[in-house]
Protein backbone atom coordinates (compact mmCIF):
# COMPACT_ATOMS: atom_id res chain seq x y z
CA UNK A 1 -17.05 229.52 -23.28
CA UNK A 2 -17.47 229.99 -27.07
CA UNK A 3 -15.61 228.02 -29.66
CA UNK A 4 -12.77 230.22 -30.82
CA UNK A 5 -11.42 231.48 -34.13
CA UNK A 6 -7.85 231.88 -35.19
CA UNK A 7 -5.87 234.99 -34.07
CA UNK A 8 -2.33 235.98 -34.90
CA UNK A 9 0.20 235.11 -32.25
CA UNK A 10 4.04 234.97 -31.98
CA UNK A 11 6.35 232.10 -31.10
CA UNK A 12 9.78 233.01 -30.04
CA UNK A 13 13.21 231.38 -29.92
CA UNK A 14 15.57 233.10 -27.53
CA UNK A 15 17.07 233.04 -23.99
CA UNK A 16 13.68 233.43 -22.27
CA UNK A 17 11.40 233.41 -25.30
CA UNK A 18 11.40 231.57 -28.67
CA UNK A 19 9.61 231.07 -32.07
CA UNK A 20 6.70 232.83 -33.82
CA UNK A 21 3.85 231.29 -35.73
CA UNK A 22 0.62 232.92 -36.92
CA UNK A 23 -2.72 232.25 -38.39
CA UNK A 24 -5.68 231.73 -40.66
CA UNK A 25 -9.29 230.87 -39.94
CA UNK A 26 -10.11 227.38 -38.81
CA UNK A 27 -12.36 225.92 -36.14
CA UNK A 28 -10.66 224.59 -32.97
CA UNK A 29 -11.75 222.41 -30.18
CA UNK A 30 -13.29 224.17 -27.15
CA UNK A 31 -10.85 224.55 -24.32
CA UNK A 32 -12.21 225.17 -20.86
CA UNK A 33 -10.98 224.55 -17.35
CA UNK A 34 -12.41 221.68 -15.31
CA UNK A 35 -14.05 224.18 -12.94
CA UNK A 36 -15.35 226.42 -15.70
CA UNK A 37 -18.64 226.62 -13.90
CA UNK A 38 -17.12 227.86 -10.68
CA UNK A 39 -17.12 231.55 -9.88
CA UNK A 40 -14.12 232.25 -7.49
CA UNK A 41 -14.59 235.32 -5.29
CA UNK A 42 -10.96 236.28 -6.02
CA UNK A 43 -10.49 239.52 -8.01
CA UNK A 44 -8.03 237.55 -10.05
CA UNK A 45 -10.55 235.12 -11.43
CA UNK A 46 -10.89 236.66 -14.92
CA UNK A 47 -7.18 236.99 -15.38
CA UNK A 48 -6.44 233.49 -14.08
CA UNK A 49 -9.15 231.98 -16.23
CA UNK A 50 -7.51 233.62 -19.25
CA UNK A 51 -4.15 232.25 -18.19
CA UNK A 52 -5.48 228.78 -17.68
CA UNK A 53 -7.35 228.60 -21.04
CA UNK A 54 -4.17 229.60 -22.92
CA UNK A 55 -1.92 227.31 -20.96
CA UNK A 56 -4.22 224.30 -21.52
CA UNK A 57 -4.26 224.91 -25.21
CA UNK A 58 -0.64 225.88 -25.98
CA UNK A 59 1.63 224.64 -23.20
CA UNK A 60 4.09 221.94 -24.32
CA UNK A 61 3.42 219.97 -21.13
CA UNK A 62 -0.28 220.68 -21.00
CA UNK A 63 -0.96 217.18 -19.80
CA UNK A 64 1.04 218.03 -16.57
CA UNK A 65 -1.17 221.02 -15.58
CA UNK A 66 -2.91 220.38 -12.24
CA UNK A 67 -6.53 219.21 -12.65
CA UNK A 68 -7.85 221.70 -10.10
CA UNK A 69 -5.59 224.78 -9.90
CA UNK A 70 -6.36 227.49 -7.39
CA UNK A 71 -7.85 230.36 -9.35
CA UNK A 72 -7.84 232.65 -6.26
CA UNK A 73 -4.01 232.98 -6.49
CA UNK A 74 -2.29 236.19 -7.54
CA UNK A 75 -1.75 235.82 -11.35
CA UNK A 76 2.05 235.40 -11.21
CA UNK A 77 1.72 232.68 -8.56
CA UNK A 78 -1.11 231.13 -10.36
CA UNK A 79 0.87 230.93 -13.66
CA UNK A 80 3.84 229.40 -11.82
CA UNK A 81 1.53 226.83 -10.23
CA UNK A 82 0.67 225.50 -13.68
CA UNK A 83 4.28 224.87 -14.71
CA UNK A 84 5.91 221.50 -15.21
CA UNK A 85 8.91 222.90 -13.35
CA UNK A 86 12.51 221.77 -14.03
CA UNK A 87 14.53 220.05 -11.29
CA UNK A 88 17.96 218.89 -12.07
CA UNK A 89 17.46 215.65 -10.02
CA UNK A 90 13.82 214.77 -10.12
CA UNK A 91 12.62 216.42 -13.37
CA UNK A 92 15.59 217.21 -15.63
CA UNK A 93 13.36 217.33 -18.69
CA UNK A 94 11.04 219.93 -17.11
CA UNK A 95 10.41 223.58 -17.98
CA UNK A 96 13.18 226.09 -17.31
CA UNK A 97 11.95 228.93 -19.45
CA UNK A 98 8.30 229.82 -19.27
CA UNK A 99 7.47 233.12 -17.65
CA UNK A 100 4.82 235.76 -17.17
CA UNK A 101 5.25 239.57 -17.45
CA UNK A 102 3.13 242.17 -15.71
CA UNK A 103 3.57 244.65 -18.56
CA UNK A 104 2.78 243.30 -22.01
CA UNK A 105 3.69 246.57 -23.85
CA UNK A 106 7.08 246.75 -22.28
CA UNK A 107 7.82 243.11 -22.99
CA UNK A 108 6.88 243.41 -26.62
CA UNK A 109 9.05 246.47 -27.13
CA UNK A 110 12.08 244.71 -25.63
CA UNK A 111 11.52 241.90 -28.00
CA UNK A 112 12.42 244.31 -30.80
CA UNK A 113 15.65 245.61 -29.22
CA UNK A 114 14.12 248.76 -27.78
CA UNK A 115 14.28 249.47 -24.01
CA UNK A 116 14.97 252.22 -21.48
CA UNK A 117 18.64 251.82 -20.77
CA UNK A 118 22.03 253.49 -20.40
CA UNK A 119 23.08 251.42 -23.50
CA UNK A 120 25.70 249.71 -21.35
CA UNK A 121 25.74 245.90 -21.34
CA UNK A 122 27.87 244.39 -18.51
CA UNK A 123 28.80 241.28 -16.59
CA UNK A 124 28.83 241.07 -12.75
CA UNK A 125 31.64 239.16 -11.16
CA UNK A 126 32.52 238.26 -7.58
CA UNK A 127 35.39 240.39 -6.43
CA UNK A 128 37.03 237.37 -4.74
CA UNK A 129 36.31 233.68 -4.06
CA UNK A 130 34.78 234.07 -0.60
CA UNK A 131 33.12 237.54 -0.22
CA UNK A 132 29.83 238.94 -1.28
CA UNK A 133 31.16 242.02 -3.03
CA UNK A 134 30.86 242.12 -6.79
CA UNK A 135 32.25 244.21 -9.61
CA UNK A 136 30.74 245.20 -12.97
CA UNK A 137 32.58 245.07 -16.22
CA UNK A 138 31.28 246.55 -19.42
CA UNK A 139 31.09 244.04 -22.28
CA UNK A 140 29.98 246.60 -24.87
CA UNK A 141 28.01 249.83 -25.25
CA UNK A 142 25.44 250.47 -27.83
CA UNK A 143 26.66 253.15 -30.31
CA UNK A 144 25.09 256.65 -29.70
CA UNK A 145 23.60 255.55 -26.38
CA UNK A 146 24.07 257.56 -23.18
CA UNK A 147 26.86 255.25 -21.97
CA UNK A 148 28.69 255.55 -25.26
CA UNK A 149 28.33 259.29 -25.32
CA UNK A 150 29.82 259.45 -21.82
CA UNK A 151 32.87 257.52 -23.05
CA UNK A 152 32.09 254.18 -21.41
CA UNK A 153 33.83 251.47 -23.42
CA UNK A 154 34.22 247.62 -23.41
CA UNK A 155 36.35 246.54 -20.53
CA UNK A 156 35.53 249.49 -18.13
CA UNK A 157 35.15 248.36 -14.50
CA UNK A 158 32.87 249.77 -11.80
CA UNK A 159 32.60 248.80 -8.12
CA UNK A 160 29.91 251.17 -6.73
CA UNK A 161 26.56 252.55 -7.91
CA UNK A 162 25.22 255.76 -6.42
CA UNK A 163 28.00 255.57 -3.75
CA UNK A 164 27.06 252.06 -2.61
CA UNK A 165 29.45 249.09 -2.94
CA UNK A 166 27.91 246.44 -5.04
CA UNK A 167 27.14 243.12 -3.40
CA UNK A 168 25.22 239.99 -4.36
CA UNK A 169 22.39 241.30 -2.14
CA UNK A 170 21.86 244.84 -3.57
CA UNK A 171 22.86 244.76 -7.22
CA UNK A 172 19.37 244.14 -8.57
CA UNK A 173 17.97 247.15 -6.74
CA UNK A 174 20.85 249.38 -7.74
CA UNK A 175 21.23 248.39 -11.34
CA UNK A 176 18.02 246.95 -12.74
CA UNK A 177 15.62 249.87 -12.47
CA UNK A 178 14.77 252.99 -14.56
CA UNK A 179 16.87 255.32 -12.52
CA UNK A 180 19.93 257.19 -13.74
CA UNK A 181 23.31 255.76 -12.50
CA UNK A 182 26.35 257.23 -10.84
CA UNK A 183 29.26 254.68 -11.26
CA UNK A 184 32.45 254.60 -9.32
CA UNK A 185 35.07 253.33 -11.71
CA UNK A 186 37.99 250.96 -10.95
CA UNK A 187 40.93 249.17 -12.59
CA UNK A 188 42.26 245.59 -12.27
CA UNK A 189 45.84 246.01 -11.16
CA UNK A 190 48.29 243.50 -9.65
CA UNK A 191 45.58 240.87 -9.31
CA UNK A 192 43.08 243.11 -7.50
CA UNK A 193 40.39 245.73 -8.20
CA UNK A 194 41.50 249.21 -7.32
CA UNK A 195 38.80 251.92 -7.06
CA UNK A 196 39.51 255.18 -8.83
CA UNK A 197 38.72 258.77 -7.76
CA UNK A 198 36.31 258.95 -10.71
CA UNK A 199 32.57 258.80 -10.99
CA UNK A 200 30.49 258.91 -14.11
CA UNK A 201 26.86 259.95 -14.21
CA UNK A 202 24.84 258.09 -16.92
CA UNK A 203 21.19 258.73 -17.70
CA UNK A 204 18.72 256.21 -19.08
CA UNK A 205 16.65 256.73 -22.18
CA UNK A 206 14.78 254.79 -24.84
CA UNK A 207 17.50 253.02 -26.99
CA UNK A 208 17.06 251.04 -30.19
CA UNK A 209 19.94 248.58 -30.70
CA UNK A 210 21.13 247.54 -34.20
CA UNK A 211 22.13 243.89 -33.65
CA UNK A 212 25.01 244.11 -36.14
CA UNK A 213 27.76 245.50 -33.91
CA UNK A 214 30.72 245.33 -36.39
CA UNK A 215 32.10 243.43 -39.40
CA UNK A 216 35.60 243.24 -40.80
CA UNK A 217 37.83 241.21 -43.21
CA UNK A 218 41.18 239.92 -42.17
CA UNK A 219 43.97 238.75 -44.50
CA UNK A 220 46.11 235.99 -43.04
CA UNK A 221 48.79 234.27 -45.21
CA UNK A 222 46.83 235.32 -48.21
CA UNK A 223 43.56 233.97 -46.91
CA UNK A 224 40.57 236.30 -46.52
CA UNK A 225 38.64 235.87 -43.33
CA UNK A 226 35.18 237.43 -42.74
CA UNK A 227 34.27 238.38 -39.17
CA UNK A 228 30.95 239.66 -37.90
CA UNK A 229 29.70 240.56 -34.41
CA UNK A 230 25.94 239.84 -34.24
CA UNK A 231 24.24 240.48 -30.89
CA UNK A 232 20.52 239.78 -31.46
CA UNK A 233 18.26 238.23 -34.10
CA UNK A 234 16.14 241.27 -35.01
CA UNK A 235 14.90 241.99 -38.51
CA UNK A 236 14.33 245.70 -38.05
CA UNK A 237 13.70 248.51 -35.57
CA UNK A 238 10.79 248.35 -33.10
CA UNK A 239 7.51 249.60 -34.54
CA UNK A 240 8.86 249.27 -38.15
CA UNK A 241 7.65 246.87 -40.75
CA UNK A 242 11.06 247.09 -42.51
CA UNK A 243 13.69 244.32 -42.48
CA UNK A 244 16.45 246.87 -42.22
CA UNK A 245 18.87 244.84 -40.10
CA UNK A 246 18.33 241.60 -42.08
CA UNK A 247 18.99 243.59 -45.26
CA UNK A 248 22.20 245.04 -43.80
CA UNK A 249 23.33 241.48 -42.93
CA UNK A 250 22.66 240.41 -46.49
CA UNK A 251 24.81 243.31 -47.76
CA UNK A 252 27.68 242.46 -45.49
CA UNK A 253 27.70 238.79 -46.68
CA UNK A 254 27.47 239.95 -50.32
CA UNK A 255 30.58 242.10 -49.65
CA UNK A 256 32.31 239.07 -48.00
CA UNK A 257 31.40 237.03 -51.01
CA UNK A 258 32.62 239.45 -53.67
CA UNK A 259 35.83 240.16 -51.65
CA UNK A 260 36.80 236.44 -51.90
CA UNK A 261 36.33 235.54 -48.26
CA UNK A 262 37.02 231.77 -47.75
CA UNK A 263 36.89 231.58 -44.00
CA UNK A 264 34.09 232.93 -41.73
CA UNK A 265 33.95 233.79 -38.03
CA UNK A 266 30.55 234.69 -36.59
CA UNK A 267 30.69 236.16 -33.09
CA UNK A 268 27.53 235.18 -31.12
CA UNK A 269 29.12 235.35 -27.68
CA UNK A 270 26.49 237.83 -26.41
CA UNK A 271 23.60 236.89 -28.57
CA UNK A 272 20.66 235.58 -26.44
CA UNK A 273 18.31 234.90 -29.33
CA UNK A 274 15.71 236.71 -31.37
CA UNK A 275 13.40 236.34 -34.34
CA UNK A 276 13.41 232.95 -36.10
CA UNK A 277 13.12 234.76 -39.44
CA UNK A 278 16.45 236.41 -38.76
CA UNK A 279 17.87 233.16 -37.59
CA UNK A 280 16.92 231.55 -40.86
CA UNK A 281 18.26 234.55 -42.74
CA UNK A 282 21.75 234.28 -41.15
CA UNK A 283 21.86 230.53 -41.62
CA UNK A 284 20.77 230.93 -45.23
CA UNK A 285 23.79 233.23 -45.89
CA UNK A 286 26.23 230.60 -44.44
CA UNK A 287 25.03 227.14 -45.25
CA UNK A 288 26.78 225.22 -48.02
CA UNK A 289 24.45 224.59 -50.94
CA UNK A 290 21.29 225.49 -49.06
CA UNK A 291 18.16 226.92 -50.66
CA UNK A 292 14.47 227.23 -50.00
CA UNK A 293 14.14 223.50 -50.77
CA UNK A 294 16.20 222.45 -47.76
CA UNK A 295 14.88 221.96 -44.23
CA UNK A 296 16.31 224.27 -41.55
CA UNK A 297 14.22 223.14 -38.48
CA UNK A 298 11.13 221.03 -37.72
CA UNK A 299 8.79 221.87 -34.88
CA UNK A 300 6.98 219.64 -32.37
CA UNK A 301 3.99 220.75 -30.19
CA UNK A 302 1.78 219.14 -27.52
CA UNK A 303 -0.29 216.25 -28.97
CA UNK A 304 -3.50 218.14 -29.15
CA UNK A 305 -2.09 221.16 -30.93
CA UNK A 306 0.15 219.03 -33.14
CA UNK A 307 -2.79 216.98 -34.39
CA UNK A 308 -4.98 220.02 -34.89
CA UNK A 309 -2.21 221.79 -36.95
CA UNK A 310 -1.59 218.74 -39.05
CA UNK A 311 -5.24 218.33 -39.81
CA UNK A 312 -5.53 221.98 -40.86
CA UNK A 313 -2.25 222.45 -42.74
CA UNK A 314 -0.61 219.06 -43.35
CA UNK A 315 2.80 217.79 -42.30
CA UNK A 316 4.68 220.58 -44.11
CA UNK A 317 3.32 223.12 -41.52
CA UNK A 318 5.98 222.05 -39.06
CA UNK A 319 8.87 222.55 -41.42
CA UNK A 320 10.90 225.82 -41.64
CA UNK A 321 13.16 225.83 -44.74
CA UNK A 322 16.16 227.99 -45.49
CA UNK A 323 15.85 230.96 -47.72
CA UNK A 324 17.53 231.33 -51.15
CA UNK A 325 19.99 234.13 -50.73
CA UNK A 326 22.21 235.64 -53.43
CA UNK A 327 24.68 236.65 -50.72
CA UNK A 328 25.17 233.05 -49.60
CA UNK A 329 28.85 232.44 -48.97
CA UNK A 330 28.67 228.75 -48.29
CA UNK A 331 30.26 227.51 -51.44
CA UNK A 332 33.41 229.50 -50.65
CA UNK A 333 33.71 227.92 -47.19
CA UNK A 334 34.90 224.60 -45.86
CA UNK A 335 33.50 225.33 -42.40
CA UNK A 336 32.10 228.15 -40.17
CA UNK A 337 33.52 229.25 -36.86
CA UNK A 338 31.11 230.42 -34.13
CA UNK A 339 32.39 232.32 -31.08
CA UNK A 340 30.11 231.38 -28.15
CA UNK A 341 29.61 231.70 -24.42
CA UNK A 342 26.93 230.72 -21.95
CA UNK A 343 25.06 233.80 -23.10
CA UNK A 344 24.72 232.36 -26.63
CA UNK A 345 21.25 231.05 -26.59
CA UNK A 346 18.11 230.01 -28.35
CA UNK A 347 18.21 231.36 -31.92
CA UNK A 348 21.97 231.36 -31.70
CA UNK A 349 21.87 227.63 -30.91
CA UNK A 350 19.09 227.18 -33.49
CA UNK A 351 21.46 228.42 -36.23
CA UNK A 352 24.27 226.13 -35.00
CA UNK A 353 22.00 223.04 -34.92
CA UNK A 354 20.28 223.91 -38.19
CA UNK A 355 23.60 224.23 -40.01
CA UNK A 356 25.22 221.09 -38.61
CA UNK A 357 23.67 218.75 -41.21
CA UNK A 358 24.99 220.88 -44.07
CA UNK A 359 28.56 221.84 -43.11
CA UNK A 360 31.31 221.61 -40.52
CA UNK A 361 30.42 223.89 -37.58
CA UNK A 362 33.39 224.75 -35.30
CA UNK A 363 32.70 226.31 -31.89
CA UNK A 364 35.13 228.34 -29.82
CA UNK A 365 34.52 229.68 -26.34
CA UNK A 366 32.25 228.29 -23.63
CA UNK A 367 29.37 225.81 -23.53
CA UNK A 368 26.26 227.56 -24.84
CA UNK A 369 23.15 228.16 -22.89
CA UNK A 370 21.05 225.03 -23.94
CA UNK A 371 17.64 226.11 -25.16
CA UNK A 372 16.07 223.78 -27.73
CA UNK A 373 12.44 224.67 -27.00
CA UNK A 374 10.20 227.51 -28.13
CA UNK A 375 7.68 229.80 -26.50
CA UNK A 376 4.80 231.98 -27.62
CA UNK A 377 3.92 235.54 -26.54
CA UNK A 378 0.28 235.79 -25.54
CA UNK A 379 -1.44 239.02 -24.84
CA UNK A 380 -5.06 239.93 -24.26
CA UNK A 381 -6.51 241.49 -27.45
CA UNK A 382 -9.29 243.31 -25.49
CA UNK A 383 -6.67 245.30 -23.51
CA UNK A 384 -8.42 244.42 -20.26
CA UNK A 385 -5.54 242.20 -19.04
CA UNK A 386 -2.08 243.81 -18.82
CA UNK A 387 -0.16 240.53 -18.43
CA UNK A 388 1.84 238.80 -21.15
CA UNK A 389 2.41 235.00 -21.06
CA UNK A 390 5.50 233.39 -22.44
CA UNK A 391 4.90 229.62 -22.17
CA UNK A 392 7.04 226.96 -23.81
CA UNK A 393 4.92 225.45 -26.60
CA UNK A 394 7.31 223.59 -28.93
CA UNK A 395 10.65 221.84 -29.42
CA UNK A 396 12.94 222.34 -32.50
CA UNK A 397 14.77 219.68 -34.40
CA UNK A 398 17.21 219.96 -37.33
CA UNK A 399 16.89 218.15 -40.66
CA UNK A 400 18.58 215.02 -39.14
CA UNK A 401 16.01 214.97 -36.23
CA UNK A 402 18.59 216.14 -33.66
CA UNK A 403 17.48 218.39 -30.70
CA UNK A 404 19.98 217.09 -28.12
CA UNK A 405 21.46 220.34 -26.87
CA UNK A 406 19.40 221.10 -23.77
CA UNK A 407 22.68 221.15 -21.85
CA UNK A 408 24.22 223.41 -24.44
CA UNK A 409 26.75 222.89 -27.24
CA UNK A 410 30.23 222.06 -25.99
CA UNK A 411 32.90 224.01 -27.88
CA UNK A 412 35.60 222.40 -29.99
CA UNK A 413 38.08 224.73 -28.29
CA UNK A 414 37.07 225.76 -24.75
CA UNK A 415 38.26 229.18 -23.66
CA UNK A 416 36.90 232.06 -21.66
CA UNK A 417 37.28 235.78 -21.99
CA UNK A 418 40.15 237.34 -20.03
CA UNK A 419 39.66 239.85 -17.14
CA UNK A 420 40.90 242.55 -19.36
CA UNK A 421 38.65 242.88 -22.42
CA UNK A 422 40.08 244.24 -25.65
CA UNK A 423 37.90 245.87 -28.28
CA UNK A 424 35.85 243.63 -30.71
CA UNK A 425 37.88 242.79 -33.74
CA UNK A 426 41.26 243.02 -31.91
CA UNK A 427 43.35 239.92 -32.78
CA UNK A 428 44.36 239.67 -29.07
CA UNK A 429 40.83 238.99 -27.99
CA UNK A 430 40.94 235.32 -26.67
CA UNK A 431 38.06 234.06 -28.70
CA UNK A 432 38.80 235.77 -31.94
CA UNK A 433 42.54 235.18 -31.54
CA UNK A 434 41.89 231.46 -31.07
CA UNK A 435 39.74 231.32 -34.20
CA UNK A 436 42.46 233.05 -36.29
CA UNK A 437 44.97 230.60 -34.79
CA UNK A 438 42.83 227.59 -35.67
CA UNK A 439 42.57 228.90 -39.23
CA UNK A 440 46.27 229.46 -39.55
CA UNK A 441 47.11 226.11 -37.77
CA UNK A 442 49.11 227.91 -35.05
CA UNK A 443 48.73 225.51 -32.06
CA UNK A 444 51.40 227.43 -30.06
CA UNK A 445 49.32 230.62 -30.31
CA UNK A 446 46.24 228.75 -29.12
CA UNK A 447 48.24 227.48 -26.03
CA UNK A 448 49.30 231.04 -25.21
CA UNK A 449 45.82 232.45 -25.51
CA UNK A 450 44.46 229.66 -23.28
CA UNK A 451 46.48 231.00 -20.31
CA UNK A 452 43.78 233.65 -19.67
CA UNK A 453 41.86 233.33 -16.37
CA UNK A 454 38.07 234.01 -16.11
CA UNK A 455 36.56 235.48 -12.92
CA UNK A 456 33.48 233.91 -11.33
CA UNK A 457 30.41 235.25 -13.15
CA UNK A 458 27.33 236.13 -11.09
CA UNK A 459 24.98 237.84 -13.54
CA UNK A 460 24.84 239.61 -16.91
CA UNK A 461 22.57 242.05 -18.57
CA UNK A 462 22.61 239.73 -21.60
CA UNK A 463 20.86 236.99 -19.54
CA UNK A 464 18.06 239.43 -18.72
CA UNK A 465 17.31 240.34 -22.32
CA UNK A 466 13.98 239.25 -23.80
CA UNK A 467 13.69 239.39 -27.62
CA UNK A 468 11.34 237.99 -30.22
CA UNK A 469 11.36 235.96 -33.42
CA UNK A 470 8.45 236.30 -35.86
CA UNK A 471 7.48 233.70 -38.47
CA UNK A 472 4.50 233.25 -40.74
CA UNK A 473 0.96 232.64 -39.49
CA UNK A 474 -0.04 229.87 -37.24
CA UNK A 475 -2.93 228.90 -35.00
CA UNK A 476 -4.28 230.95 -32.10
CA UNK A 477 -6.82 230.68 -29.27
CA UNK A 478 -9.45 233.41 -29.12
CA UNK A 479 -8.61 235.42 -26.09
CA UNK A 480 -11.82 237.46 -25.87
């Protein structure tokens, strides 16, 4: 195996994938499996050798990889056999997030908010406490998507797909495929779900999502309150070199600033993560007194990779600073309010943790997902191997050295969404209403809002999203 040169790679910070680094040319130590001389008869040998070399080099827990892994296994099973797997009792510090994809191109496209979909994001709930039947409830639809064009809106409920009642046994086959959908709609009435004599046919197509869903300014007792719904950390459309979405975010905050906004509510309830550059961009628009001289996060890798990067680039390589942004609104704020749920993950949590040393961060909603580690997207540059690897390779710390949110951030006010969703921006939304009540000091209003009851969540399309975060160059293993 030849000594490798540096190639560009991506490290991601999100629900299933995390931060991006990239590269310049330096020599690296040769990495080869213990049984490099062996020639397994398995047709998977070449793919598995490629998997093993990358895992031995990048994986955060590379010292836990088995000494003699079985190279004859099918690649997905082989990848999983290398993992330092999480176990709540025996290995609570283990790996919960590394994964492998059979289609690198599809994975990379999804990282940029582009996928074949109806454009309908939804939660799946159990219909009752004891049965297996489930119902779907739309949490939002992407503007101009097939679902939006068919009139599907936030809060709509469905109980059947293609005429089949949804259960916890069939929902994956019915919903998570590339087929068009026929939904049987329902309503929640008198504490039960009632099916309607209405079906809606929705086709699937390639959809590009703008992560900025909406923004608004409220005036409450003379106080101007900025509100923004931000659903992914994506700088620009897939396949584009532009930073269109980051620039739109900058324009919104500049408008907040010039309008005299002194309170800020950032809605990350459905944001599973995304590009680190976009996370830094958002934090740089919010933080009090922050500039490019201030540390946002610091990264830690396995000891071999850590030492090599430090020798090549020095200690500063591991630091990611804020950006200097003219639209920064921090000096007009006393604190920032984040609306969060268990779907708020990775880069969403990165922003929360990175801002904590610089200002009062107030959380409303549910405990966040709990992802304080980062992964890298690895694909085969030759095109001979279709798989993409997403192994955890780093851990992120804020400027105070804190990275203690693997169990998620606990909200200051704990509240769940009601069974009956209202549109984003509606003051009767439980999370937004609570934030407005906290700002106004209306404890009675908070108590009234807290009476909402949440159904038992089984699954969500948000938890299945995979997005990317791209930073500047870092170090890479030659994959040829």
